[in-house]
C-alpha atoms as a PDB file:
ATOM      1  CA  MET A   1      13.461 -22.609 -18.622  1.00  0.00           C
ATOM      2  CA  THR A   2      13.835 -26.050 -17.361  1.00  0.00           C
ATOM      3  CA  ARG A   3      12.459 -26.674 -13.875  1.00  0.00           C
ATOM      4  CA  LYS A   4      12.426 -29.310 -11.480  1.00  0.00           C
ATOM      5  CA  ILE A   5       9.162 -29.669  -9.296  1.00  0.00           C
ATOM      6  CA  PHE A   6       9.358 -31.475  -5.753  1.00  0.00           C
ATOM      7  CA  GLN A   7       6.301 -32.368  -3.646  1.00  0.00           C
ATOM      8  CA  ILE A   8       7.177 -31.852   0.027  1.00  0.00           C
ATOM      9  CA  THR A   9       4.575 -33.390   2.122  1.00  0.00           C
ATOM     10  CA  GLY A  10       4.158 -34.481   6.061  1.00  0.00           C
ATOM     11  CA  ALA A  11       2.661 -33.132   9.049  1.00  0.00           C
ATOM     12  CA  GLU A  12       5.376 -30.690   9.781  1.00  0.00           C
ATOM     13  CA  ALA A  13       5.803 -29.825   5.877  1.00  0.00           C
ATOM     14  CA  SER A  14       4.735 -26.389   6.826  1.00  0.00           C
ATOM     15  CA  SER A  15       6.953 -25.209   9.959  1.00  0.00           C
ATOM     16  CA  PHE A  16       9.911 -27.296   8.216  1.00  0.00           C
ATOM     17  CA  LEU A  17      10.300 -24.671   5.471  1.00  0.00           C
ATOM     18  CA  GLN A  18       8.824 -21.905   7.648  1.00  0.00           C
ATOM     19  CA  GLY A  19      12.289 -22.264   9.211  1.00  0.00           C
ATOM     20  CA  LEU A  20      14.556 -22.255   6.356  1.00  0.00           C
ATOM     21  CA  VAL A  21      12.946 -19.946   3.300  1.00  0.00           C
ATOM     22  CA  THR A  22      12.783 -15.885   3.304  1.00  0.00           C
ATOM     23  CA  ASN A  23       9.168 -15.860   3.034  1.00  0.00           C
ATOM     24  CA  ASP A  24       6.143 -16.780   5.284  1.00  0.00           C
ATOM     25  CA  ILE A  25       4.552 -20.369   4.305  1.00  0.00           C
ATOM     26  CA  ALA A  26       0.911 -18.750   5.247  1.00  0.00           C
ATOM     27  CA  LYS A  27       1.120 -16.989   2.122  1.00  0.00           C
ATOM     28  CA  LEU A  28       0.155 -20.321   0.257  1.00  0.00           C
ATOM     29  CA  ASP A  29      -3.781 -19.952   1.283  1.00  0.00           C
ATOM     30  CA  HIS A  30      -3.594 -16.930  -1.141  1.00  0.00           C
ATOM     31  CA  GLY A  31      -1.617 -18.571  -4.002  1.00  0.00           C
ATOM     32  CA  LEU A  32       2.078 -19.017  -4.943  1.00  0.00           C
ATOM     33  CA  VAL A  33       4.640 -18.096  -2.627  1.00  0.00           C
ATOM     34  CA  TYR A  34       8.191 -16.880  -4.212  1.00  0.00           C
ATOM     35  CA  ALA A  35      10.910 -17.689  -1.505  1.00  0.00           C
ATOM     36  CA  ALA A  36      14.837 -17.981  -1.414  1.00  0.00           C
ATOM     37  CA  MET A  37      17.196 -20.013   0.623  1.00  0.00           C
ATOM     38  CA  LEU A  38      20.399 -18.353   2.169  1.00  0.00           C
ATOM     39  CA  THR A  39      23.688 -19.575   3.878  1.00  0.00           C
ATOM     40  CA  PRO A  40      23.694 -18.950   7.571  1.00  0.00           C
ATOM     41  CA  GLN A  41      25.936 -15.617   6.315  1.00  0.00           C
ATOM     42  CA  GLY A  42      22.727 -14.447   4.319  1.00  0.00           C
ATOM     43  CA  LYS A  43      23.959 -15.128   0.843  1.00  0.00           C
ATOM     44  CA  TYR A  44      21.960 -16.767  -2.025  1.00  0.00           C
ATOM     45  CA  LEU A  45      21.358 -20.593  -2.237  1.00  0.00           C
ATOM     46  CA  ALA A  46      18.183 -20.977  -4.282  1.00  0.00           C
ATOM     47  CA  ASP A  47      15.136 -19.239  -5.507  1.00  0.00           C
ATOM     48  CA  PHE A  48      11.823 -20.933  -5.999  1.00  0.00           C
ATOM     49  CA  LEU A  49       8.106 -20.668  -6.459  1.00  0.00           C
ATOM     50  CA  LEU A  50       6.128 -22.650  -3.452  1.00  0.00           C
ATOM     51  CA  VAL A  51       2.657 -23.871  -4.950  1.00  0.00           C
ATOM     52  CA  PRO A  52      -0.258 -25.113  -2.891  1.00  0.00           C
ATOM     53  CA  TRP A  53      -1.190 -28.557  -4.243  1.00  0.00           C
ATOM     54  CA  ASP A  54      -4.146 -30.550  -3.012  1.00  0.00           C
ATOM     55  CA  GLY A  55      -2.628 -30.985   0.827  1.00  0.00           C
ATOM     56  CA  ALA A  56       0.617 -30.834  -0.300  1.00  0.00           C
ATOM     57  CA  ILE A  57       3.404 -28.029  -0.875  1.00  0.00           C
ATOM     58  CA  LEU A  58       4.951 -28.034  -4.388  1.00  0.00           C
ATOM     59  CA  LEU A  59       8.621 -26.599  -4.701  1.00  0.00           C
ATOM     60  CA  ASP A  60       9.549 -25.126  -8.317  1.00  0.00           C
ATOM     61  CA  VAL A  61      13.109 -24.400  -8.777  1.00  0.00           C
ATOM     62  CA  ASP A  62      15.660 -24.406 -12.008  1.00  0.00           C
ATOM     63  CA  GLU A  63      16.895 -27.548 -12.696  1.00  0.00           C
ATOM     64  CA  SER A  64      20.331 -26.467 -12.105  1.00  0.00           C
ATOM     65  CA  LEU A  65      19.932 -25.829  -8.402  1.00  0.00           C
ATOM     66  CA  ALA A  66      17.754 -28.609  -7.968  1.00  0.00           C
ATOM     67  CA  ASP A  67      19.856 -31.786  -7.013  1.00  0.00           C
ATOM     68  CA  GLY A  68      22.176 -29.322  -4.452  1.00  0.00           C
ATOM     69  CA  LEU A  69      19.099 -27.902  -2.882  1.00  0.00           C
ATOM     70  CA  LEU A  70      17.311 -31.159  -2.444  1.00  0.00           C
ATOM     71  CA  GLN A  71      20.454 -32.410  -0.693  1.00  0.00           C
ATOM     72  CA  ARG A  72      20.293 -29.297   1.408  1.00  0.00           C
ATOM     73  CA  LEU A  73      16.532 -29.847   2.615  1.00  0.00           C
ATOM     74  CA  ASN A  74      17.134 -33.573   3.552  1.00  0.00           C
ATOM     75  CA  MET A  75      20.323 -32.473   5.705  1.00  0.00           C
ATOM     76  CA  TYR A  76      17.900 -29.886   7.833  1.00  0.00           C
ATOM     77  CA  LYS A  77      15.042 -32.370   7.729  1.00  0.00           C
ATOM     78  CA  LEU A  78      16.628 -34.725  10.408  1.00  0.00           C
ATOM     79  CA  ARG A  79      13.924 -36.594  12.082  1.00  0.00           C
ATOM     80  CA  ALA A  80      10.934 -34.399  11.058  1.00  0.00           C
ATOM     81  CA  ASP A  81       7.469 -35.562   9.554  1.00  0.00           C
ATOM     82  CA  VAL A  82       8.381 -34.588   5.952  1.00  0.00           C
ATOM     83  CA  GLN A  83       8.890 -36.131   2.952  1.00  0.00           C
ATOM     84  CA  ILE A  84      10.194 -34.673   0.126  1.00  0.00           C
ATOM     85  CA  THR A  85       9.901 -36.481  -3.526  1.00  0.00           C
ATOM     86  CA  GLN A  86      10.936 -35.412  -7.385  1.00  0.00           C
ATOM     87  CA  THR A  87       7.502 -35.375  -8.899  1.00  0.00           C
ATOM     88  CA  ASP A  88       6.763 -35.742 -13.191  1.00  0.00           C
ATOM     89  CA  LEU A  89       4.948 -32.204 -12.969  1.00  0.00           C
ATOM     90  CA  ALA A  90       5.746 -29.540 -15.533  1.00  0.00           C
ATOM     91  CA  VAL A  91       4.941 -25.798 -15.755  1.00  0.00           C
ATOM     92  CA  TRP A  92       3.553 -23.865 -18.470  1.00  0.00           C
ATOM     93  CA  ARG A  93       3.576 -20.064 -17.944  1.00  0.00           C
ATOM     94  CA  GLY A  94       1.642 -16.955 -19.891  1.00  0.00           C
ATOM     95  CA  THR A  95       0.812 -13.618 -19.853  1.00  0.00           C
ATOM     96  CA  GLY A  96      -2.877 -13.524 -21.330  1.00  0.00           C
ATOM     97  CA  GLU A  97      -5.871 -14.691 -19.962  1.00  0.00           C
ATOM     98  CA  ARG A  98      -5.050 -16.990 -16.988  1.00  0.00           C
ATOM     99  CA  PRO A  99      -6.413 -20.619 -17.362  1.00  0.00           C
ATOM    100  CA  GLU A 100      -8.843 -22.519 -15.080  1.00  0.00           C
ATOM    101  CA  GLY A 101      -6.173 -23.862 -12.405  1.00  0.00           C
ATOM    102  CA  ALA A 102      -3.168 -21.436 -13.133  1.00  0.00           C
ATOM    103  CA  PHE A 103      -1.777 -19.302 -10.280  1.00  0.00           C
ATOM    104  CA  ALA A 104      -0.841 -15.532 -10.839  1.00  0.00           C
ATOM    105  CA  ASP A 105       3.198 -15.193 -10.460  1.00  0.00           C
ATOM    106  CA  PRO A 106       3.731 -13.404  -7.092  1.00  0.00           C
ATOM    107  CA  ARG A 107       6.826 -11.724  -8.386  1.00  0.00           C
ATOM    108  CA  HIS A 108       4.863  -9.063 -10.772  1.00  0.00           C
ATOM    109  CA  PRO A 109       2.052  -8.936 -12.356  1.00  0.00           C
ATOM    110  CA  ALA A 110       3.763  -8.518 -15.891  1.00  0.00           C
ATOM    111  CA  LEU A 111       5.005 -12.184 -15.494  1.00  0.00           C
ATOM    112  CA  GLY A 112       1.350 -13.666 -15.821  1.00  0.00           C
ATOM    113  CA  TRP A 113       0.612 -16.793 -14.512  1.00  0.00           C
ATOM    114  CA  ARG A 114       1.938 -20.421 -14.028  1.00  0.00           C
ATOM    115  CA  LEU A 115      -0.024 -23.300 -14.839  1.00  0.00           C
ATOM    116  CA  TYR A 116       1.106 -26.921 -13.254  1.00  0.00           C
ATOM    117  CA  GLY A 117       0.670 -30.035 -14.932  1.00  0.00           C
ATOM    118  CA  ALA A 118       1.641 -32.043 -18.007  1.00  0.00           C
ATOM    119  CA  GLU A 119       2.989 -29.624 -20.291  1.00  0.00           C
ATOM    120  CA  SER A 120       6.252 -27.343 -20.424  1.00  0.00           C
ATOM    121  CA  GLY A 121       6.813 -24.328 -22.064  1.00  0.00           C
ATOM    122  CA  ASP A 122       5.064 -20.821 -22.386  1.00  0.00           C
ATOM    123  CA  ASP A 123       2.597 -18.827 -24.831  1.00  0.00           C
ATOM    124  CA  GLY A 124       5.077 -17.536 -26.782  1.00  0.00           C
ATOM    125  CA  SER A 125       5.714 -14.097 -24.539  1.00  0.00           C
ATOM    126  CA  ASN A 126       8.756 -12.210 -24.352  1.00  0.00           C
ATOM    127  CA  PHE A 127       9.936 -12.895 -20.675  1.00  0.00           C
ATOM    128  CA  GLU A 128      13.199 -11.682 -21.230  1.00  0.00           C
ATOM    129  CA  ALA A 129      11.822  -8.216 -22.455  1.00  0.00           C
ATOM    130  CA  ILE A 130       9.146  -8.432 -19.405  1.00  0.00           C
ATOM    131  CA  ARG A 131      11.961  -9.586 -17.203  1.00  0.00           C
ATOM    132  CA  VAL A 132      14.336  -6.589 -17.911  1.00  0.00           C
ATOM    133  CA  ALA A 133      11.580  -3.827 -18.033  1.00  0.00           C
ATOM    134  CA  HIS A 134      10.833  -5.096 -14.148  1.00  0.00           C
ATOM    135  CA  CYS A 135      14.452  -6.009 -13.043  1.00  0.00           C
ATOM    136  CA  ILE A 136      13.396  -9.166 -12.603  1.00  0.00           C
ATOM    137  CA  PRO A 137      16.349 -11.409 -11.647  1.00  0.00           C
ATOM    138  CA  LEU A 138      16.992 -14.606 -13.124  1.00  0.00           C
ATOM    139  CA  THR A 139      18.539 -17.930 -11.694  1.00  0.00           C
ATOM    140  CA  ASN A 140      22.493 -18.237 -12.517  1.00  0.00           C
ATOM    141  CA  VAL A 141      22.504 -14.679 -14.134  1.00  0.00           C
ATOM    142  CA  GLU A 142      21.901 -12.095 -11.691  1.00  0.00           C
ATOM    143  CA  LEU A 143      21.515 -14.579  -9.123  1.00  0.00           C
ATOM    144  CA  THR A 144      24.366 -16.039  -7.877  1.00  0.00           C
ATOM    145  CA  PRO A 145      26.482 -17.113  -4.621  1.00  0.00           C
ATOM    146  CA  ASP A 146      27.589 -13.590  -4.275  1.00  0.00           C
ATOM    147  CA  THR A 147      23.753 -12.310  -4.192  1.00  0.00           C
ATOM    148  CA  PHE A 148      22.183 -10.587  -1.236  1.00  0.00           C
ATOM    149  CA  ILE A 149      18.418 -10.994  -1.878  1.00  0.00           C
ATOM    150  CA  LEU A 150      17.762  -7.321  -0.869  1.00  0.00           C
ATOM    151  CA  GLU A 151      20.456  -6.123  -3.193  1.00  0.00           C
ATOM    152  CA  ALA A 152      18.408  -8.275  -5.750  1.00  0.00           C
ATOM    153  CA  GLY A 153      15.178  -6.732  -5.474  1.00  0.00           C
ATOM    154  CA  PHE A 154      13.534  -9.448  -3.316  1.00  0.00           C
ATOM    155  CA  GLU A 155      11.313  -7.222  -1.309  1.00  0.00           C
ATOM    156  CA  ARG A 156      10.069  -5.336  -4.049  1.00  0.00           C
ATOM    157  CA  LEU A 157       9.216  -8.881  -5.926  1.00  0.00           C
ATOM    158  CA  ASN A 158       7.350 -10.102  -2.878  1.00  0.00           C
ATOM    159  CA  GLY A 159      10.492 -12.822  -1.994  1.00  0.00           C
ATOM    160  CA  VAL A 160      10.754 -11.909   1.541  1.00  0.00           C
ATOM    161  CA  ASP A 161       9.108 -11.343   5.021  1.00  0.00           C
ATOM    162  CA  PHE A 162      10.138  -9.685   7.805  1.00  0.00           C
ATOM    163  CA  ARG A 163       7.628 -10.402  10.297  1.00  0.00           C
ATOM    164  CA  LYS A 164       7.513 -14.157  10.100  1.00  0.00           C
ATOM    165  CA  GLY A 165      10.272 -14.667  12.433  1.00  0.00           C
ATOM    166  CA  CYS A 166      13.540 -16.782  12.111  1.00  0.00           C
ATOM    167  CA  TYR A 167      14.836 -18.540   9.356  1.00  0.00           C
ATOM    168  CA  VAL A 168      18.763 -19.413   8.089  1.00  0.00           C
ATOM    169  CA  GLY A 169      20.535 -16.205   6.947  1.00  0.00           C
ATOM    170  CA  GLN A 170      17.466 -13.950   8.631  1.00  0.00           C
ATOM    171  CA  GLU A 171      19.799 -12.353  10.982  1.00  0.00           C
ATOM    172  CA  VAL A 172      22.083 -10.875   8.019  1.00  0.00           C
ATOM    173  CA  THR A 173      18.778 -10.169   5.537  1.00  0.00           C
ATOM    174  CA  ALA A 174      17.182  -8.101   8.841  1.00  0.00           C
ATOM    175  CA  ARG A 175      20.389  -5.973   9.255  1.00  0.00           C
ATOM    176  CA  MET A 176      20.625  -5.052   5.716  1.00  0.00           C
ATOM    177  CA  LYS A 177      16.916  -3.840   5.692  1.00  0.00           C
ATOM    178  CA  HIS A 178      16.821  -1.995   9.538  1.00  0.00           C
ATOM    179  CA  LYS A 179      20.195  -0.819   9.938  1.00  0.00           C
ATOM    180  CA  THR A 180      22.195   0.085   6.601  1.00  0.00           C
ATOM    181  CA  GLU A 181      21.131   1.543   3.299  1.00  0.00           C
ATOM    182  CA  LEU A 182      21.537  -0.118   0.158  1.00  0.00           C
ATOM    183  CA  ARG A 183      25.061   0.817  -1.582  1.00  0.00           C
ATOM    184  CA  LYS A 184      24.795  -1.537  -4.266  1.00  0.00           C
ATOM    185  CA  GLY A 185      22.287  -3.201  -6.197  1.00  0.00           C
ATOM    186  CA  LEU A 186      20.336  -4.619  -9.284  1.00  0.00           C
ATOM    187  CA  ALA A 187      18.552  -1.759 -11.402  1.00  0.00           C
ATOM    188  CA  SER A 188      16.930  -1.020 -14.780  1.00  0.00           C
ATOM    189  CA  VAL A 189      19.651   0.655 -17.013  1.00  0.00           C
ATOM    190  CA  SER A 190      19.492   2.261 -20.776  1.00  0.00           C
ATOM    191  CA  LEU A 191      21.787   0.568 -23.219  1.00  0.00           C
ATOM    192  CA  ASP A 192      23.312   2.192 -26.361  1.00  0.00           C
ATOM    193  CA  GLY A 193      25.141  -1.083 -27.947  1.00  0.00           C
ATOM    194  CA  SER A 194      25.542  -4.376 -26.683  1.00  0.00           C
ATOM    195  CA  ALA A 195      28.088  -6.195 -24.383  1.00  0.00           C
ATOM    196  CA  PRO A 196      28.399  -9.872 -23.201  1.00  0.00           C
ATOM    197  CA  VAL A 197      26.452 -10.566 -20.043  1.00  0.00           C
ATOM    198  CA  GLY A 198      29.322 -10.135 -16.856  1.00  0.00           C
ATOM    199  CA  THR A 199      30.733  -7.417 -18.666  1.00  0.00           C
ATOM    200  CA  PRO A 200      32.310  -4.955 -16.081  1.00  0.00           C
ATOM    201  CA  ILE A 201      30.879  -1.263 -15.994  1.00  0.00           C
ATOM    202  CA  THR A 202      32.993   1.662 -15.521  1.00  0.00           C
ATOM    203  CA  ALA A 203      32.725   5.374 -15.220  1.00  0.00           C
ATOM    204  CA  ASP A 204      35.718   7.802 -15.237  1.00  0.00           C
ATOM    205  CA  GLY A 205      37.962   4.529 -14.963  1.00  0.00           C
ATOM    206  CA  LYS A 206      36.520   3.579 -11.894  1.00  0.00           C
ATOM    207  CA  ALA A 207      34.552   0.142 -11.739  1.00  0.00           C
ATOM    208  CA  VAL A 208      30.866   0.616 -10.985  1.00  0.00           C
ATOM    209  CA  GLY A 209      29.359  -2.670 -11.708  1.00  0.00           C
ATOM    210  CA  THR A 210      28.316  -5.204 -14.040  1.00  0.00           C
ATOM    211  CA  LEU A 211      25.884  -5.473 -17.028  1.00  0.00           C
ATOM    212  CA  PHE A 212      23.610  -8.352 -17.230  1.00  0.00           C
ATOM    213  CA  THR A 213      20.469  -9.556 -19.279  1.00  0.00           C
ATOM    214  CA  GLN A 214      19.894  -7.238 -22.117  1.00  0.00           C
ATOM    215  CA  SER A 215      16.871  -6.840 -23.938  1.00  0.00           C
ATOM    216  CA  GLY A 216      16.717  -4.064 -27.110  1.00  0.00           C
ATOM    217  CA  ASP A 217      17.729  -0.710 -25.126  1.00  0.00           C
ATOM    218  CA  ARG A 218      17.331  -1.763 -21.666  1.00  0.00           C
ATOM    219  CA  ALA A 219      19.166  -4.106 -19.742  1.00  0.00           C
ATOM    220  CA  ILE A 220      19.824  -5.160 -16.080  1.00  0.00           C
ATOM    221  CA  ALA A 221      22.973  -4.351 -14.006  1.00  0.00           C
ATOM    222  CA  TYR A 222      24.495  -4.495 -10.908  1.00  0.00           C
ATOM    223  CA  LEU A 223      25.281  -1.122  -9.817  1.00  0.00           C
ATOM    224  CA  ARG A 224      27.445   0.873  -7.038  1.00  0.00           C
ATOM    225  CA  PHE A 225      24.963   3.699  -6.976  1.00  0.00           C
ATOM    226  CA  ASN A 226      27.326   6.225  -5.090  1.00  0.00           C
ATOM    227  CA  ARG A 227      29.314   5.526  -8.611  1.00  0.00           C
ATOM    228  CA  ALA A 228      26.353   5.223 -10.935  1.00  0.00           C
ATOM    229  CA  LYS A 229      26.227   8.454 -12.562  1.00  0.00           C
ATOM    230  CA  GLY A 230      26.238   9.771 -16.285  1.00  0.00           C
ATOM    231  CA  ALA A 231      27.347   7.830 -19.121  1.00  0.00           C
ATOM    232  CA  MET A 232      29.066   4.882 -18.363  1.00  0.00           C
ATOM    233  CA  GLN A 233      30.997   1.910 -20.106  1.00  0.00           C
ATOM    234  CA  ALA A 234      30.675  -1.679 -20.671  1.00  0.00           C
ATOM    235  CA  ALA A 235      33.163  -2.607 -23.273  1.00  0.00           C
ATOM    236  CA  SER A 236      31.924  -0.709 -26.247  1.00  0.00           C
ATOM    237  CA  ALA A 237      28.434   0.066 -24.809  1.00  0.00           C
ATOM    238  CA  THR A 238      27.297   3.213 -23.287  1.00  0.00           C
ATOM    239  CA  VAL A 239      25.217   2.555 -20.185  1.00  0.00           C
ATOM    240  CA  THR A 240      22.944   4.818 -18.374  1.00  0.00           C
ATOM    241  CA  LEU A 241      20.725   5.185 -15.664  1.00  0.00           C
ATOM    242  CA  PRO A 242      17.055   6.119 -16.888  1.00  0.00           C
ATOM    243  CA  GLU A 243      16.230   9.623 -15.679  1.00  0.00           C
END
């Protein structure tokens, strides 16, 4: 888990972010906020955690997305009173008793807490197994430039707010929420065998989806729900939806 943490300051920092991200910045009054930035077409660009921090806002993002995200934020900033700087802060995470100053992870209680400071790493918890058990997507694995966040479970993970007003990609996201039933998306599946991440899943010779993170006899898969029935195949592994 390699993260970069930016600090966002300035009189317009909150309103600037409010017009760009999928969640409501006002929730920072209560702790961490999980959110994403989208393309105008409603597809995923980056997901991150926003942190209330001594009059500023921290943005905690996967290192691989950091430079591109910073470039895009600066593109939208124009003349707004907003300053974005990279910090030397690191994040320590765990699932045991929450240390003083740590924040609960807003995506799911099983993800425990995050503590921002000098130390990087975790307490040895099996976060891969936790993610798989609760169908929590990961940057660059289940979350890709083709992802629509509602198909990735962002509503369940407290990563999107439908009452906050406009943000980039909001129109497509709202339409998916209110006008259509999701026909595809991430799901937890049972797995007999193993197969590489990205292996196609088929049933009766038809494409059903893609296999992603695996832990023990469970996995996260992206599925076409109308075809995901009975025993499915991912290379030599058998995939089934839990009853």
